[in-house]
PDB file of N, CA and C in Angstrom:
ATOM      1  N   UNK A   1      -2.999  -1.786   6.252  1.00  0.00           N
ATOM      2  CA  UNK A   1      -2.220  -2.275   5.080  1.00  0.00           C
ATOM      3  C   UNK A   1      -2.745  -3.447   4.404  1.00  0.00           C
ATOM      4  N   UNK A   2      -3.243  -4.376   5.198  1.00  0.00           N
ATOM      5  CA  UNK A   2      -3.867  -5.633   4.531  1.00  0.00           C
ATOM      6  C   UNK A   2      -5.350  -5.586   4.466  1.00  0.00           C
ATOM      7  N   UNK A   3      -5.942  -4.619   5.076  1.00  0.00           N
ATOM      8  CA  UNK A   3      -7.504  -4.615   5.097  1.00  0.00           C
ATOM      9  C   UNK A   3      -8.012  -3.394   4.354  1.00  0.00           C
ATOM     10  N   UNK A   4      -9.085  -3.484   3.915  1.00  0.00           N
ATOM     11  CA  UNK A   4      -9.814  -2.375   3.059  1.00  0.00           C
ATOM     12  C   UNK A   4     -10.194  -1.518   4.152  1.00  0.00           C
ATOM     13  N   UNK A   5      -9.958  -0.071   3.777  1.00  0.00           N
ATOM     14  CA  UNK A   5     -10.208   1.037   4.620  1.00  0.00           C
ATOM     15  C   UNK A   5     -10.851   2.221   3.991  1.00  0.00           C
ATOM     16  N   UNK A   6     -11.221   3.102   4.832  1.00  0.00           N
ATOM     17  CA  UNK A   6     -11.767   4.369   4.296  1.00  0.00           C
ATOM     18  C   UNK A   6     -10.636   5.136   3.638  1.00  0.00           C
ATOM     19  N   UNK A   7     -10.989   6.055   2.699  1.00  0.00           N
ATOM     20  CA  UNK A   7     -10.060   6.915   1.808  1.00  0.00           C
ATOM     21  C   UNK A   7      -9.114   7.649   2.821  1.00  0.00           C
ATOM     22  N   UNK A   8      -9.668   8.364   3.904  1.00  0.00           N
ATOM     23  CA  UNK A   8      -8.900   9.147   4.809  1.00  0.00           C
ATOM     24  C   UNK A   8      -7.899   8.394   5.587  1.00  0.00           C
ATOM     25  N   UNK A   9      -8.316   7.164   5.958  1.00  0.00           N
ATOM     26  CA  UNK A   9      -7.273   6.319   6.811  1.00  0.00           C
ATOM     27  C   UNK A   9      -6.175   5.939   5.971  1.00  0.00           C
ATOM     28  N   UNK A  10      -6.375   5.568   4.613  1.00  0.00           N
ATOM     29  CA  UNK A  10      -5.301   5.205   3.895  1.00  0.00           C
ATOM     30  C   UNK A  10      -4.322   6.366   3.479  1.00  0.00           C
ATOM     31  N   UNK A  11      -5.006   7.486   3.317  1.00  0.00           N
ATOM     32  CA  UNK A  11      -4.113   8.727   3.028  1.00  0.00           C
ATOM     33  C   UNK A  11      -3.221   9.079   4.309  1.00  0.00           C
ATOM     34  N   UNK A  12      -3.777   8.968   5.444  1.00  0.00           N
ATOM     35  CA  UNK A  12      -3.025   9.306   6.679  1.00  0.00           C
ATOM     36  C   UNK A  12      -1.940   8.156   6.881  1.00  0.00           C
ATOM     37  N   UNK A  13      -2.214   6.938   6.617  1.00  0.00           N
ATOM     38  CA  UNK A  13      -1.151   5.911   6.840  1.00  0.00           C
ATOM     39  C   UNK A  13      -0.076   6.045   5.889  1.00  0.00           C
ATOM     40  N   UNK A  14      -0.242   6.566   4.608  1.00  0.00           N
ATOM     41  CA  UNK A  14       0.778   6.829   3.724  1.00  0.00           C
ATOM     42  C   UNK A  14       1.568   7.938   4.014  1.00  0.00           C
ATOM     43  N   UNK A  15       0.938   8.972   4.607  1.00  0.00           N
ATOM     44  CA  UNK A  15       1.749  10.217   5.016  1.00  0.00           C
ATOM     45  C   UNK A  15       2.690   9.859   6.190  1.00  0.00           C
ATOM     46  N   UNK A  16       2.543   8.852   6.883  1.00  0.00           N
ATOM     47  CA  UNK A  16       3.489   8.396   7.984  1.00  0.00           C
ATOM     48  C   UNK A  16       4.711   7.753   7.497  1.00  0.00           C
ATOM     49  N   UNK A  17       4.812   7.414   6.237  1.00  0.00           N
ATOM     50  CA  UNK A  17       5.982   6.803   5.682  1.00  0.00           C
ATOM     51  C   UNK A  17       7.093   7.778   5.715  1.00  0.00           C
ATOM     52  N   UNK A  18       8.168   7.290   6.399  1.00  0.00           N
ATOM     53  CA  UNK A  18       9.510   8.101   6.401  1.00  0.00           C
ATOM     54  C   UNK A  18      10.197   7.954   5.145  1.00  0.00           C
ATOM     55  N   UNK A  19      11.001   8.871   4.956  1.00  0.00           N
ATOM     56  CA  UNK A  19      11.839   8.970   3.661  1.00  0.00           C
ATOM     57  C   UNK A  19      10.963   8.550   2.402  1.00  0.00           C
ATOM     58  N   UNK A  20       9.991   9.308   2.103  1.00  0.00           N
ATOM     59  CA  UNK A  20       8.987   8.979   1.001  1.00  0.00           C
ATOM     60  C   UNK A  20       9.742   8.793  -0.341  1.00  0.00           C
ATOM     61  N   UNK A  21      10.845   9.493  -0.600  1.00  0.00           N
ATOM     62  CA  UNK A  21      11.426   9.281  -1.927  1.00  0.00           C
ATOM     63  C   UNK A  21      12.045   7.923  -2.017  1.00  0.00           C
ATOM     64  N   UNK A  22      12.237   7.166  -1.104  1.00  0.00           N
ATOM     65  CA  UNK A  22      12.774   5.811  -1.064  1.00  0.00           C
ATOM     66  C   UNK A  22      11.811   4.785  -1.219  1.00  0.00           C
ATOM     67  N   UNK A  23      10.546   5.063  -1.267  1.00  0.00           N
ATOM     68  CA  UNK A  23       9.474   4.047  -1.172  1.00  0.00           C
ATOM     69  C   UNK A  23       8.527   4.101  -2.314  1.00  0.00           C
ATOM     70  N   UNK A  24       7.968   3.127  -2.862  1.00  0.00           N
ATOM     71  CA  UNK A  24       6.823   3.014  -3.719  1.00  0.00           C
ATOM     72  C   UNK A  24       5.745   2.397  -2.986  1.00  0.00           C
ATOM     73  N   UNK A  25       4.490   2.843  -3.166  1.00  0.00           N
ATOM     74  CA  UNK A  25       3.217   2.414  -2.530  1.00  0.00           C
ATOM     75  C   UNK A  25       2.293   2.003  -3.606  1.00  0.00           C
ATOM     76  N   UNK A  26       1.664   0.739  -3.229  1.00  0.00           N
ATOM     77  CA  UNK A  26       0.612   0.266  -4.107  1.00  0.00           C
ATOM     78  C   UNK A  26      -0.654   0.616  -3.460  1.00  0.00           C
ATOM     79  N   UNK A  27      -1.673   1.062  -4.332  1.00  0.00           N
ATOM     80  CA  UNK A  27      -3.033   1.437  -3.824  1.00  0.00           C
ATOM     81  C   UNK A  27      -4.042   0.917  -4.672  1.00  0.00           C
ATOM     82  N   UNK A  28      -5.059   0.247  -4.041  1.00  0.00           N
ATOM     83  CA  UNK A  28      -6.023  -0.285  -4.734  1.00  0.00           C
ATOM     84  C   UNK A  28      -7.468   0.177  -4.320  1.00  0.00           C
ATOM     85  N   UNK A  29      -8.532   0.248  -5.136  1.00  0.00           N
ATOM     86  CA  UNK A  29      -9.783   0.572  -4.809  1.00  0.00           C
ATOM     87  C   UNK A  29     -10.776  -0.430  -5.149  1.00  0.00           C
ATOM     88  N   UNK A  30     -11.584  -0.816  -4.236  1.00  0.00           N
ATOM     89  CA  UNK A  30     -12.667  -1.798  -4.492  1.00  0.00           C
ATOM     90  C   UNK A  30     -14.053  -1.102  -4.084  1.00  0.00           C
ATOM     91  N   UNK A  31     -14.714  -0.618  -4.907  1.00  0.00           N
ATOM     92  CA  UNK A  31     -15.997   0.146  -4.517  1.00  0.00           C
ATOM     93  C   UNK A  31     -15.476   1.372  -3.964  1.00  0.00           C
ATOM     94  N   UNK A  32     -16.065   1.714  -2.659  1.00  0.00           N
ATOM     95  CA  UNK A  32     -15.701   2.899  -2.002  1.00  0.00           C
ATOM     96  C   UNK A  32     -14.552   2.792  -0.961  1.00  0.00           C
ATOM     97  N   UNK A  33     -13.956   1.530  -0.934  1.00  0.00           N
ATOM     98  CA  UNK A  33     -12.899   1.237  -0.004  1.00  0.00           C
ATOM     99  C   UNK A  33     -11.555   1.100  -0.639  1.00  0.00           C
ATOM    100  N   UNK A  34     -10.515   1.337   0.148  1.00  0.00           N
ATOM    101  CA  UNK A  34      -9.111   1.452  -0.416  1.00  0.00           C
ATOM    102  C   UNK A  34      -8.262   0.620   0.464  1.00  0.00           C
ATOM    103  N   UNK A  35      -7.189   0.212  -0.154  1.00  0.00           N
ATOM    104  CA  UNK A  35      -5.968  -0.455   0.712  1.00  0.00           C
ATOM    105  C   UNK A  35      -4.718  -0.029   0.001  1.00  0.00           C
ATOM    106  N   UNK A  36      -3.740  -0.042   0.854  1.00  0.00           N
ATOM    107  CA  UNK A  36      -2.299   0.251   0.504  1.00  0.00           C
ATOM    108  C   UNK A  36      -1.405  -0.643   0.878  1.00  0.00           C
ATOM    109  N   UNK A  37      -0.260  -0.739   0.317  1.00  0.00           N
ATOM    110  CA  UNK A  37       0.879  -1.521   0.681  1.00  0.00           C
ATOM    111  C   UNK A  37       2.126  -0.924   0.221  1.00  0.00           C
ATOM    112  N   UNK A  38       3.241  -1.221   0.869  1.00  0.00           N
ATOM    113  CA  UNK A  38       4.518  -0.823   0.238  1.00  0.00           C
ATOM    114  C   UNK A  38       4.684  -1.877  -0.895  1.00  0.00           C
ATOM    115  N   UNK A  39       5.473  -1.333  -1.905  1.00  0.00           N
ATOM    116  CA  UNK A  39       5.708  -2.307  -3.066  1.00  0.00           C
ATOM    117  C   UNK A  39       7.134  -2.420  -3.296  1.00  0.00           C
ATOM    118  N   UNK A  40       7.607  -3.579  -3.643  1.00  0.00           N
ATOM    119  CA  UNK A  40       9.020  -3.947  -3.837  1.00  0.00           C
ATOM    120  C   UNK A  40       9.189  -4.703  -5.103  1.00  0.00           C
ATOM    121  N   UNK A  41      10.277  -4.297  -5.780  1.00  0.00           N
ATOM    122  CA  UNK A  41      10.616  -5.293  -6.951  1.00  0.00           C
ATOM    123  C   UNK A  41      11.529  -6.325  -6.557  1.00  0.00           C
ATOM    124  N   UNK A  42      11.986  -6.375  -5.404  1.00  0.00           N
ATOM    125  CA  UNK A  42      13.095  -7.472  -4.881  1.00  0.00           C
ATOM    126  C   UNK A  42      12.381  -8.555  -4.354  1.00  0.00           C
ATOM    127  N   UNK A  43      11.114  -8.738  -4.178  1.00  0.00           N
ATOM    128  CA  UNK A  43      10.395  -9.930  -3.808  1.00  0.00           C
ATOM    129  C   UNK A  43       9.918  -9.708  -2.339  1.00  0.00           C
ATOM    130  N   UNK A  44       9.558 -10.865  -1.721  1.00  0.00           N
ATOM    131  CA  UNK A  44       8.779 -10.855  -0.396  1.00  0.00           C
ATOM    132  C   UNK A  44       9.849 -10.400   0.639  1.00  0.00           C
ATOM    133  N   UNK A  45      10.995 -10.896   0.744  1.00  0.00           N
ATOM    134  CA  UNK A  45      11.893 -10.629   1.849  1.00  0.00           C
ATOM    135  C   UNK A  45      12.116  -9.136   1.943  1.00  0.00           C
ATOM    136  N   UNK A  46      12.556  -8.349   0.947  1.00  0.00           N
ATOM    137  CA  UNK A  46      12.639  -6.933   1.181  1.00  0.00           C
ATOM    138  C   UNK A  46      11.343  -6.161   1.624  1.00  0.00           C
ATOM    139  N   UNK A  47      10.164  -6.674   1.128  1.00  0.00           N
ATOM    140  CA  UNK A  47       8.915  -6.092   1.605  1.00  0.00           C
ATOM    141  C   UNK A  47       8.724  -6.432   2.977  1.00  0.00           C
ATOM    142  N   UNK A  48       9.055  -7.685   3.399  1.00  0.00           N
ATOM    143  CA  UNK A  48       8.879  -7.902   4.871  1.00  0.00           C
ATOM    144  C   UNK A  48       9.666  -6.921   5.781  1.00  0.00           C
ATOM    145  N   UNK A  49      10.895  -6.739   5.286  1.00  0.00           N
ATOM    146  CA  UNK A  49      11.795  -5.892   6.053  1.00  0.00           C
ATOM    147  C   UNK A  49      11.179  -4.485   6.047  1.00  0.00           C
ATOM    148  N   UNK A  50      10.656  -3.997   4.985  1.00  0.00           N
ATOM    149  CA  UNK A  50      10.116  -2.571   4.946  1.00  0.00           C
ATOM    150  C   UNK A  50       8.913  -2.601   5.811  1.00  0.00           C
ATOM    151  N   UNK A  51       8.011  -3.511   5.769  1.00  0.00           N
ATOM    152  CA  UNK A  51       6.942  -3.394   6.571  1.00  0.00           C
ATOM    153  C   UNK A  51       7.247  -3.441   8.042  1.00  0.00           C
ATOM    154  N   UNK A  52       8.081  -4.299   8.417  1.00  0.00           N
ATOM    155  CA  UNK A  52       8.622  -4.382   9.836  1.00  0.00           C
ATOM    156  C   UNK A  52       9.206  -3.103  10.282  1.00  0.00           C
ATOM    157  N   UNK A  53       9.843  -2.396   9.484  1.00  0.00           N
ATOM    158  CA  UNK A  53      10.508  -1.152   9.813  1.00  0.00           C
ATOM    159  C   UNK A  53       9.458  -0.102   9.953  1.00  0.00           C
ATOM    160  N   UNK A  54       8.406  -0.085   9.106  1.00  0.00           N
ATOM    161  CA  UNK A  54       7.290   0.844   9.336  1.00  0.00           C
ATOM    162  C   UNK A  54       6.581   0.601  10.596  1.00  0.00           C
ATOM    163  N   UNK A  55       6.384  -0.743  10.935  1.00  0.00           N
ATOM    164  CA  UNK A  55       5.638  -1.069  11.985  1.00  0.00           C
ATOM    165  C   UNK A  55       6.390  -0.914  13.412  1.00  0.00           C
ATOM    166  N   UNK A  56       7.705  -0.826  13.184  1.00  0.00           N
ATOM    167  CA  UNK A  56       8.581  -0.637  14.390  1.00  0.00           C
ATOM    168  C   UNK A  56       8.963  -2.058  15.107  1.00  0.00           C
ATOM    169  N   UNK A  57       8.844  -3.130  14.440  1.00  0.00           N
ATOM    170  CA  UNK A  57       9.120  -4.394  15.007  1.00  0.00           C
ATOM    171  C   UNK A  57      10.114  -5.136  14.256  1.00  0.00           C
ATOM    172  N   UNK A  58      10.840  -6.050  14.891  1.00  0.00           N
ATOM    173  CA  UNK A  58      11.783  -6.896  14.182  1.00  0.00           C
ATOM    174  C   UNK A  58      11.043  -7.779  12.985  1.00  0.00           C
ATOM    175  N   UNK A  59      11.875  -7.838  11.968  1.00  0.00           N
ATOM    176  CA  UNK A  59      11.305  -8.469  10.755  1.00  0.00           C
ATOM    177  C   UNK A  59      11.160  -9.927  10.998  1.00  0.00           C
ATOM    178  N   UNK A  60      11.944 -10.575  12.001  1.00  0.00           N
ATOM    179  CA  UNK A  60      11.634 -12.028  12.238  1.00  0.00           C
ATOM    180  C   UNK A  60      10.603 -12.245  13.191  1.00  0.00           C
ATOM    181  N   UNK A  61       9.766 -11.311  13.647  1.00  0.00           N
ATOM    182  CA  UNK A  61       8.699 -11.420  14.437  1.00  0.00           C
ATOM    183  C   UNK A  61       7.157 -11.276  13.751  1.00  0.00           C
ATOM    184  N   UNK A  62       7.236 -11.121  12.400  1.00  0.00           N
ATOM    185  CA  UNK A  62       5.897 -11.016  11.698  1.00  0.00           C
ATOM    186  C   UNK A  62       5.974 -12.042  10.631  1.00  0.00           C
ATOM    187  N   UNK A  63       4.685 -12.364  10.148  1.00  0.00           N
ATOM    188  CA  UNK A  63       4.542 -13.166   8.982  1.00  0.00           C
ATOM    189  C   UNK A  63       3.701 -12.281   8.033  1.00  0.00           C
ATOM    190  N   UNK A  64       4.125 -12.206   6.747  1.00  0.00           N
ATOM    191  CA  UNK A  64       3.421 -11.354   5.763  1.00  0.00           C
ATOM    192  C   UNK A  64       3.152 -12.071   4.568  1.00  0.00           C
ATOM    193  N   UNK A  65       1.914 -12.325   4.213  1.00  0.00           N
ATOM    194  CA  UNK A  65       1.500 -12.928   2.965  1.00  0.00           C
ATOM    195  C   UNK A  65       1.491 -11.927   1.956  1.00  0.00           C
ATOM    196  N   UNK A  66       2.189 -12.363   0.738  1.00  0.00           N
ATOM    197  CA  UNK A  66       2.382 -11.447  -0.362  1.00  0.00           C
ATOM    198  C   UNK A  66       1.735 -11.821  -1.604  1.00  0.00           C
ATOM    199  N   UNK A  67       1.607 -10.932  -2.646  1.00  0.00           N
ATOM    200  CA  UNK A  67       1.165 -11.284  -3.858  1.00  0.00           C
ATOM    201  C   UNK A  67       1.918 -10.311  -4.866  1.00  0.00           C
ATOM    202  N   UNK A  68       1.956 -10.638  -6.185  1.00  0.00           N
ATOM    203  CA  UNK A  68       2.543  -9.924  -7.196  1.00  0.00           C
ATOM    204  C   UNK A  68       1.545  -9.240  -8.032  1.00  0.00           C
ATOM    205  N   UNK A  69       1.717  -7.840  -8.168  1.00  0.00           N
ATOM    206  CA  UNK A  69       0.921  -7.065  -8.972  1.00  0.00           C
ATOM    207  C   UNK A  69       1.774  -6.271  -9.995  1.00  0.00           C
ATOM    208  N   UNK A  70       1.564  -6.455 -11.170  1.00  0.00           N
ATOM    209  CA  UNK A  70       2.390  -5.726 -12.293  1.00  0.00           C
ATOM    210  C   UNK A  70       3.910  -5.814 -12.054  1.00  0.00           C
ATOM    211  N   UNK A  71       4.405  -6.970 -11.607  1.00  0.00           N
ATOM    212  CA  UNK A  71       5.768  -7.115 -11.301  1.00  0.00           C
ATOM    213  C   UNK A  71       6.294  -6.602 -10.041  1.00  0.00           C
ATOM    214  N   UNK A  72       5.424  -6.204  -9.194  1.00  0.00           N
ATOM    215  CA  UNK A  72       5.831  -5.596  -7.787  1.00  0.00           C
ATOM    216  C   UNK A  72       5.226  -6.634  -6.771  1.00  0.00           C
ATOM    217  N   UNK A  73       6.013  -6.779  -5.710  1.00  0.00           N
ATOM    218  CA  UNK A  73       5.553  -7.574  -4.558  1.00  0.00           C
ATOM    219  C   UNK A  73       4.867  -6.630  -3.667  1.00  0.00           C
ATOM    220  N   UNK A  74       3.642  -7.082  -3.082  1.00  0.00           N
ATOM    221  CA  UNK A  74       2.821  -6.254  -2.210  1.00  0.00           C
ATOM    222  C   UNK A  74       2.279  -7.105  -1.207  1.00  0.00           C
ATOM    223  N   UNK A  75       1.898  -6.491  -0.143  1.00  0.00           N
ATOM    224  CA  UNK A  75       1.157  -7.296   1.023  1.00  0.00           C
ATOM    225  C   UNK A  75      -0.232  -7.739   0.582  1.00  0.00           C
ATOM    226  N   UNK A  76      -0.480  -8.835   0.825  1.00  0.00           N
ATOM    227  CA  UNK A  76      -1.814  -9.538   0.131  1.00  0.00           C
ATOM    228  C   UNK A  76      -2.885  -9.072   1.144  1.00  0.00           C
ATOM    229  N   UNK A  77      -4.025  -8.811   0.678  1.00  0.00           N
ATOM    230  CA  UNK A  77      -5.232  -8.348   1.433  1.00  0.00           C
ATOM    231  C   UNK A  77      -5.713  -9.538   2.232  1.00  0.00           C
ATOM    232  N   UNK A  78      -5.968  -9.209   3.543  1.00  0.00           N
ATOM    233  CA  UNK A  78      -6.561 -10.316   4.414  1.00  0.00           C
ATOM    234  C   UNK A  78      -7.612  -9.845   5.317  1.00  0.00           C
ATOM    235  N   UNK A  79      -8.747 -10.377   5.324  1.00  0.00           N
ATOM    236  CA  UNK A  79      -9.137 -11.484   4.445  1.00  0.00           C
ATOM    237  C   UNK A  79      -9.261 -11.033   3.005  1.00  0.00           C
ATOM    238  N   UNK A  80      -9.201 -11.962   2.079  1.00  0.00           N
ATOM    239  CA  UNK A  80      -9.253 -11.638   0.691  1.00  0.00           C
ATOM    240  C   UNK A  80     -10.676 -11.121   0.366  1.00  0.00           C
ATOM    241  N   UNK A  81     -10.642  -9.806  -0.120  1.00  0.00           N
ATOM    242  CA  UNK A  81     -11.985  -9.174  -0.403  1.00  0.00           C
ATOM    243  C   UNK A  81     -12.722 -10.066  -1.568  1.00  0.00           C
ATOM    244  N   UNK A  82     -13.976 -10.061  -1.514  1.00  0.00           N
ATOM    245  CA  UNK A  82     -14.769 -10.739  -2.567  1.00  0.00           C
ATOM    246  C   UNK A  82     -15.067  -9.802  -3.748  1.00  0.00           C
ATOM    247  N   UNK A  83     -14.939  -8.527  -3.580  1.00  0.00           N
ATOM    248  CA  UNK A  83     -15.098  -7.570  -4.578  1.00  0.00           C
ATOM    249  C   UNK A  83     -13.993  -7.445  -5.512  1.00  0.00           C
ATOM    250  N   UNK A  84     -14.183  -7.165  -6.796  1.00  0.00           N
ATOM    251  CA  UNK A  84     -12.978  -7.054  -7.653  1.00  0.00           C
ATOM    252  C   UNK A  84     -12.271  -5.773  -7.393  1.00  0.00           C
ATOM    253  N   UNK A  85     -11.092  -5.542  -7.912  1.00  0.00           N
ATOM    254  CA  UNK A  85     -10.353  -4.369  -7.802  1.00  0.00           C
ATOM    255  C   UNK A  85     -10.975  -3.496  -8.967  1.00  0.00           C
ATOM    256  N   UNK A  86     -11.402  -2.248  -8.556  1.00  0.00           N
ATOM    257  CA  UNK A  86     -11.821  -1.292  -9.581  1.00  0.00           C
ATOM    258  C   UNK A  86     -10.752  -0.553 -10.122  1.00  0.00           C
ATOM    259  N   UNK A  87      -9.728  -0.272  -9.427  1.00  0.00           N
ATOM    260  CA  UNK A  87      -8.586   0.579  -9.895  1.00  0.00           C
ATOM    261  C   UNK A  87      -7.296   0.276  -8.876  1.00  0.00           C
ATOM    262  N   UNK A  88      -6.067   0.273  -9.545  1.00  0.00           N
ATOM    263  CA  UNK A  88      -4.993   0.203  -8.733  1.00  0.00           C
ATOM    264  C   UNK A  88      -3.802   0.719  -9.451  1.00  0.00           C
ATOM    265  N   UNK A  89      -2.744   1.010  -8.621  1.00  0.00           N
ATOM    266  CA  UNK A  89      -1.618   1.686  -9.248  1.00  0.00           C
ATOM    267  C   UNK A  89      -0.656   2.001  -8.081  1.00  0.00           C
ATOM    268  N   UNK A  90       0.413   2.598  -8.529  1.00  0.00           N
ATOM    269  CA  UNK A  90       1.553   2.837  -7.709  1.00  0.00           C
ATOM    270  C   UNK A  90       1.877   4.281  -7.577  1.00  0.00           C
ATOM    271  N   UNK A  91       2.212   4.755  -6.392  1.00  0.00           N
ATOM    272  CA  UNK A  91       2.418   6.180  -6.100  1.00  0.00           C
ATOM    273  C   UNK A  91       3.699   6.321  -5.243  1.00  0.00           C
ATOM    274  N   UNK A  92       4.171   7.493  -5.249  1.00  0.00           N
ATOM    275  CA  UNK A  92       5.324   7.894  -4.319  1.00  0.00           C
ATOM    276  C   UNK A  92       4.718   8.508  -3.136  1.00  0.00           C
ATOM    277  N   UNK A  93       4.856   8.114  -1.880  1.00  0.00           N
ATOM    278  CA  UNK A  93       4.390   8.748  -0.670  1.00  0.00           C
ATOM    279  C   UNK A  93       4.770  10.226  -0.559  1.00  0.00           C
ATOM    280  N   UNK A  94       4.107  10.916   0.307  1.00  0.00           N
ATOM    281  CA  UNK A  94       4.437  12.294   0.508  1.00  0.00           C
ATOM    282  C   UNK A  94       3.971  12.526   1.964  1.00  0.00           C
ATOM    283  N   UNK A  95       4.581  13.631   2.632  1.00  0.00           N
ATOM    284  CA  UNK A  95       4.206  13.881   4.106  1.00  0.00           C
ATOM    285  C   UNK A  95       3.050  14.791   3.961  1.00  0.00           C
ATOM    286  N   UNK A  96       2.524  15.402   2.966  1.00  0.00           N
ATOM    287  CA  UNK A  96       1.436  16.171   2.796  1.00  0.00           C
ATOM    288  C   UNK A  96       0.138  15.341   2.502  1.00  0.00           C
ATOM    289  N   UNK A  97      -0.868  15.253   3.269  1.00  0.00           N
ATOM    290  CA  UNK A  97      -2.043  14.509   3.066  1.00  0.00           C
ATOM    291  C   UNK A  97      -2.774  14.928   1.705  1.00  0.00           C
ATOM    292  N   UNK A  98      -2.819  16.228   1.472  1.00  0.00           N
ATOM    293  CA  UNK A  98      -3.287  16.696   0.161  1.00  0.00           C
ATOM    294  C   UNK A  98      -2.737  16.114  -1.073  1.00  0.00           C
ATOM    295  N   UNK A  99      -1.419  15.974  -0.991  1.00  0.00           N
ATOM    296  CA  UNK A  99      -0.675  15.446  -2.164  1.00  0.00           C
ATOM    297  C   UNK A  99      -0.973  13.950  -2.366  1.00  0.00           C
ATOM    298  N   UNK A 100      -0.876  13.165  -1.213  1.00  0.00           N
ATOM    299  CA  UNK A 100      -1.253  11.811  -1.173  1.00  0.00           C
ATOM    300  C   UNK A 100      -2.657  11.600  -1.739  1.00  0.00           C
ATOM    301  N   UNK A 101      -3.571  12.294  -1.203  1.00  0.00           N
ATOM    302  CA  UNK A 101      -5.069  12.196  -1.583  1.00  0.00           C
ATOM    303  C   UNK A 101      -5.219  12.471  -3.039  1.00  0.00           C
ATOM    304  N   UNK A 102      -4.487  13.520  -3.590  1.00  0.00           N
ATOM    305  CA  UNK A 102      -4.610  13.824  -5.012  1.00  0.00           C
ATOM    306  C   UNK A 102      -4.050  12.628  -5.836  1.00  0.00           C
ATOM    307  N   UNK A 103      -2.882  12.032  -5.450  1.00  0.00           N
ATOM    308  CA  UNK A 103      -2.402  11.026  -6.201  1.00  0.00           C
ATOM    309  C   UNK A 103      -3.256   9.753  -6.081  1.00  0.00           C
ATOM    310  N   UNK A 104      -3.908   9.407  -5.146  1.00  0.00           N
ATOM    311  CA  UNK A 104      -4.917   8.392  -5.000  1.00  0.00           C
ATOM    312  C   UNK A 104      -6.145   8.621  -5.842  1.00  0.00           C
ATOM    313  N   UNK A 105      -6.662   9.803  -5.833  1.00  0.00           N
ATOM    314  CA  UNK A 105      -7.762  10.152  -6.631  1.00  0.00           C
ATOM    315  C   UNK A 105      -7.381   9.960  -8.088  1.00  0.00           C
ATOM    316  N   UNK A 106      -6.262  10.425  -8.577  1.00  0.00           N
ATOM    317  CA  UNK A 106      -5.826  10.443  -9.903  1.00  0.00           C
ATOM    318  C   UNK A 106      -5.827   8.836 -10.303  1.00  0.00           C
ATOM    319  N   UNK A 107      -5.257   7.860  -9.390  1.00  0.00           N
ATOM    320  CA  UNK A 107      -5.276   6.549  -9.707  1.00  0.00           C
ATOM    321  C   UNK A 107      -6.537   6.026  -9.887  1.00  0.00           C
ATOM    322  N   UNK A 108      -7.517   6.443  -8.933  1.00  0.00           N
ATOM    323  CA  UNK A 108      -8.804   5.910  -8.932  1.00  0.00           C
ATOM    324  C   UNK A 108      -9.706   6.385 -10.190  1.00  0.00           C
ATOM    325  N   UNK A 109      -9.285   7.347 -10.706  1.00  0.00           N
ATOM    326  CA  UNK A 109     -10.044   7.800 -11.899  1.00  0.00           C
ATOM    327  C   UNK A 109      -9.574   7.011 -13.170  1.00  0.00           C
ATOM    328  N   UNK A 110      -8.481   6.308 -13.125  1.00  0.00           N
ATOM    329  CA  UNK A 110      -8.120   5.590 -14.264  1.00  0.00           C
ATOM    330  C   UNK A 110      -8.822   4.187 -14.321  1.00  0.00           C
ATOM    331  N   UNK A 111      -9.954   4.214 -14.812  1.00  0.00           N
ATOM    332  CA  UNK A 111     -10.712   2.993 -14.870  1.00  0.00           C
ATOM    333  C   UNK A 111     -10.849   2.320 -16.150  1.00  0.00           C
TER     334      UNK A 111
END
């Protein structure tokens, strides 16, 4: 979630999101690498709780650096990549990797 990864790894991570209709996911592309994060309009604390729930750990046992993108709070990339963001956007997760992959590809094409 906080590190740049291969396309396939990001697609699979997003497909593991439970109750996809209740979540929004931020995706960014830097060159040929991708990163994803849950996205929250409510600020850092709701995002922290959502990430902790996904990871299966109590929210008071993690520290999460955040940033704001287009009015959404997302997990901050760590370490901060030196490359600029080539494309970014927000998608609804799905349990089908083909659907998630298509949504990410559509975002990546918007340059």
